[in-house]
N, C-alpha and C. Protein backbone atom coordinates (compact mmCIF):
# COMPACT_ATOMS: atom_id res chain seq x y z
N MET A 1 34.21 13.28 -37.50
CA MET A 1 33.30 12.28 -37.99
C MET A 1 33.58 11.96 -39.46
N ASN A 2 34.80 12.00 -39.84
CA ASN A 2 35.13 11.72 -41.23
C ASN A 2 35.19 10.22 -41.51
N HIS A 3 34.81 9.39 -40.51
CA HIS A 3 34.81 7.94 -40.70
C HIS A 3 33.42 7.42 -41.06
N LEU A 4 32.47 8.32 -41.29
CA LEU A 4 31.13 7.90 -41.67
C LEU A 4 31.12 7.49 -43.13
N LYS A 5 30.36 6.45 -43.42
CA LYS A 5 30.20 6.02 -44.81
C LYS A 5 28.71 5.98 -45.10
N PHE A 6 28.34 6.42 -46.28
CA PHE A 6 26.94 6.47 -46.65
C PHE A 6 26.63 5.47 -47.74
N ILE A 7 25.45 4.91 -47.67
CA ILE A 7 24.93 4.06 -48.73
C ILE A 7 23.94 4.91 -49.51
N VAL A 8 24.08 4.92 -50.80
CA VAL A 8 23.22 5.76 -51.64
C VAL A 8 22.40 4.89 -52.59
N ASN A 9 21.27 5.43 -52.99
CA ASN A 9 20.44 4.70 -53.95
C ASN A 9 20.92 5.00 -55.37
N GLY A 10 20.20 4.51 -56.34
CA GLY A 10 20.59 4.71 -57.74
C GLY A 10 20.60 6.16 -58.19
N HIS A 11 19.96 7.04 -57.43
CA HIS A 11 19.92 8.46 -57.76
C HIS A 11 20.95 9.26 -56.98
N GLY A 12 21.76 8.57 -56.20
CA GLY A 12 22.79 9.25 -55.41
C GLY A 12 22.27 9.81 -54.09
N LYS A 13 21.03 9.51 -53.72
CA LYS A 13 20.46 10.00 -52.48
C LYS A 13 20.90 9.08 -51.33
N ARG A 14 21.37 9.68 -50.24
CA ARG A 14 21.78 8.90 -49.08
C ARG A 14 20.58 8.20 -48.47
N THR A 15 20.73 6.90 -48.25
CA THR A 15 19.63 6.12 -47.69
C THR A 15 20.01 5.44 -46.37
N ALA A 16 21.29 5.37 -46.07
CA ALA A 16 21.76 4.73 -44.83
C ALA A 16 23.16 5.24 -44.53
N VAL A 17 23.59 4.96 -43.29
CA VAL A 17 24.92 5.39 -42.88
C VAL A 17 25.59 4.25 -42.12
N ILE A 18 26.88 4.14 -42.27
CA ILE A 18 27.67 3.17 -41.53
C ILE A 18 28.52 3.97 -40.54
N LEU A 19 28.36 3.65 -39.26
CA LEU A 19 29.07 4.36 -38.20
C LEU A 19 30.12 3.47 -37.56
N PRO A 20 31.22 4.05 -37.11
CA PRO A 20 32.14 3.27 -36.29
C PRO A 20 31.43 2.85 -35.00
N ILE A 21 31.71 1.67 -34.51
CA ILE A 21 31.06 1.14 -33.30
C ILE A 21 31.20 2.11 -32.14
N LYS A 22 32.37 2.70 -31.96
CA LYS A 22 32.60 3.63 -30.85
C LYS A 22 31.63 4.81 -30.91
N TYR A 23 31.44 5.36 -32.10
CA TYR A 23 30.53 6.49 -32.27
C TYR A 23 29.09 6.05 -32.04
N TYR A 24 28.73 4.87 -32.52
CA TYR A 24 27.38 4.34 -32.32
C TYR A 24 27.08 4.17 -30.84
N LYS A 25 28.02 3.60 -30.09
CA LYS A 25 27.82 3.40 -28.65
C LYS A 25 27.66 4.74 -27.94
N GLN A 26 28.43 5.75 -28.36
CA GLN A 26 28.31 7.08 -27.76
C GLN A 26 26.93 7.67 -28.04
N LEU A 27 26.42 7.48 -29.24
CA LEU A 27 25.07 7.96 -29.57
C LEU A 27 24.03 7.28 -28.69
N LEU A 28 24.15 5.96 -28.50
CA LEU A 28 23.21 5.24 -27.64
C LEU A 28 23.26 5.77 -26.21
N GLU A 29 24.47 6.04 -25.71
CA GLU A 29 24.62 6.59 -24.37
C GLU A 29 23.98 7.97 -24.26
N ASP A 30 24.18 8.79 -25.27
CA ASP A 30 23.58 10.13 -25.28
C ASP A 30 22.05 10.04 -25.29
N ILE A 31 21.51 9.12 -26.07
CA ILE A 31 20.06 8.94 -26.13
C ILE A 31 19.54 8.50 -24.76
N HIS A 32 20.25 7.59 -24.12
CA HIS A 32 19.86 7.13 -22.79
C HIS A 32 19.86 8.30 -21.80
N ASP A 33 20.92 9.11 -21.84
CA ASP A 33 21.00 10.27 -20.94
C ASP A 33 19.83 11.22 -21.17
N LEU A 34 19.49 11.48 -22.41
CA LEU A 34 18.37 12.37 -22.72
C LEU A 34 17.04 11.78 -22.23
N ALA A 35 16.90 10.46 -22.34
CA ALA A 35 15.68 9.81 -21.85
C ALA A 35 15.57 9.96 -20.34
N MET A 36 16.69 9.85 -19.63
CA MET A 36 16.69 10.00 -18.17
C MET A 36 16.30 11.43 -17.78
N VAL A 37 16.83 12.40 -18.50
CA VAL A 37 16.49 13.80 -18.23
C VAL A 37 14.99 14.01 -18.44
N ALA A 38 14.47 13.51 -19.54
CA ALA A 38 13.04 13.67 -19.83
C ALA A 38 12.18 12.99 -18.76
N GLU A 39 12.61 11.82 -18.32
CA GLU A 39 11.86 11.07 -17.31
C GLU A 39 11.81 11.81 -15.98
N ARG A 40 12.87 12.54 -15.66
CA ARG A 40 12.97 13.22 -14.36
C ARG A 40 12.58 14.69 -14.43
N ARG A 41 12.08 15.13 -15.56
CA ARG A 41 11.77 16.54 -15.79
C ARG A 41 10.89 17.16 -14.72
N ASN A 42 9.91 16.41 -14.22
CA ASN A 42 8.94 16.97 -13.28
C ASN A 42 9.28 16.71 -11.81
N GLU A 43 10.45 16.17 -11.54
CA GLU A 43 10.84 15.94 -10.16
C GLU A 43 11.18 17.26 -9.49
N PRO A 44 10.95 17.35 -8.18
CA PRO A 44 11.30 18.59 -7.48
C PRO A 44 12.81 18.82 -7.50
N THR A 45 13.19 20.08 -7.45
CA THR A 45 14.61 20.42 -7.47
C THR A 45 15.03 20.95 -6.10
N ILE A 46 16.35 20.96 -5.86
CA ILE A 46 16.89 21.58 -4.66
C ILE A 46 17.99 22.53 -5.10
N ASN A 47 18.28 23.53 -4.28
CA ASN A 47 19.33 24.47 -4.66
C ASN A 47 20.70 23.90 -4.26
N PHE A 48 21.75 24.53 -4.72
CA PHE A 48 23.11 24.04 -4.51
C PHE A 48 23.46 23.98 -3.03
N LYS A 49 23.02 24.96 -2.26
CA LYS A 49 23.32 24.99 -0.83
C LYS A 49 22.73 23.76 -0.14
N GLU A 50 21.49 23.41 -0.48
CA GLU A 50 20.86 22.22 0.09
C GLU A 50 21.60 20.95 -0.32
N LEU A 51 22.03 20.90 -1.56
CA LEU A 51 22.76 19.75 -2.06
C LEU A 51 24.06 19.56 -1.27
N LYS A 52 24.81 20.65 -1.11
CA LYS A 52 26.06 20.57 -0.35
C LYS A 52 25.82 20.10 1.07
N ARG A 53 24.79 20.64 1.70
CA ARG A 53 24.46 20.27 3.07
C ARG A 53 24.14 18.77 3.14
N GLY A 54 23.44 18.25 2.18
CA GLY A 54 23.09 16.84 2.15
C GLY A 54 24.27 15.92 1.88
N LEU A 55 25.32 16.44 1.26
CA LEU A 55 26.47 15.62 0.94
C LEU A 55 27.55 15.62 1.99
N LYS A 56 27.51 16.54 2.93
CA LYS A 56 28.54 16.62 3.95
C LYS A 56 28.47 15.40 4.87
N LEU A 57 29.64 14.89 5.22
CA LEU A 57 29.74 13.75 6.11
C LEU A 57 30.22 14.18 7.47
N GLU A 58 29.77 13.49 8.50
CA GLU A 58 30.28 13.77 9.84
C GLU A 58 31.71 13.27 9.92
N PRO A 59 32.65 14.11 10.42
CA PRO A 59 34.07 13.71 10.48
C PRO A 59 34.27 12.42 11.27
N GLY A 60 35.06 11.52 10.70
CA GLY A 60 35.45 10.30 11.37
C GLY A 60 34.41 9.18 11.37
N THR A 61 33.20 9.43 10.94
CA THR A 61 32.18 8.39 11.02
C THR A 61 31.85 7.79 9.66
N GLY A 62 32.04 8.57 8.62
CA GLY A 62 31.64 8.11 7.30
C GLY A 62 30.13 8.16 7.11
N LEU A 63 29.46 8.73 8.12
CA LEU A 63 27.99 8.85 8.06
C LEU A 63 27.57 10.29 7.89
N ARG A 64 26.39 10.47 7.39
CA ARG A 64 25.84 11.82 7.25
C ARG A 64 25.26 12.27 8.56
């Protein structure tokens, strides 16, 4: 993150930051992911065995 640039006030205190667009977009994506996790926090969970069973497809049909 050595591409960050800071704007400082007359006392040298950092008041703003300039980010590369790529880094900014990644931050937005991370925030979105965290919001999705928080939104789904209270949903029921299933164990890995149940998940695998639910994902298996019947051979040759493409259907579960």
